[in-house]
Amino acid sequence: MLRVRRVYVNGEVRQTGKTPGSVPRNVPLFERALEALEALPPRLDTSLLFPALRGGHIHLGNWRRDEWTPALRAAGIEYRVPYALRHTFISEAIAAGIPTFEIARMSGTSVLQIDKTYGHMLRDAATRATAALDAFDSRTTEETLAR
């Protein structure tokens, strides 16, 4: 679990984000991301997970030029801004069936904004809800009968 406690914007560390729910928040990570983070050598000289080469915070423009763009090119992926990863995460969370409320919490946004932006991806929400309710009803009925 990644705990977002503050943000770094325009060269400044802030205790609050763009929206009221953006900081603090918890963001679950894929197992492969956790494994990659655990494989990093420990750093004693900084509390930052990804510091700049000379320490301190990474300059976004330099990072895009020196790391992000070459990585996309090497992977054969068309250029996109790093912020696009937010959309990828939210889209994958929807596809995984994570409830919209939880996605909004993890993303630091509102359910309304998730619905406005990604509502077209929730076409099967009623079908998934029916299946979940049926499964719950089935378990409840079995538990009642077992008593």
Foldseek 3Di string as FASTA:
>chain_A
DDWAQWDADPNDIGRQDPANLVHTADADDDPVVVVVLVPDDDDPVDPDSDADPVGDHDDQVVCCVPPVVVVCVVVVHDDDRPCVVLVVVLLVCVVVVPDLCNNCNNSSHHSVVCCVVPVVSCPCVVVVVVVVVVVVVVVVVVVVVVD
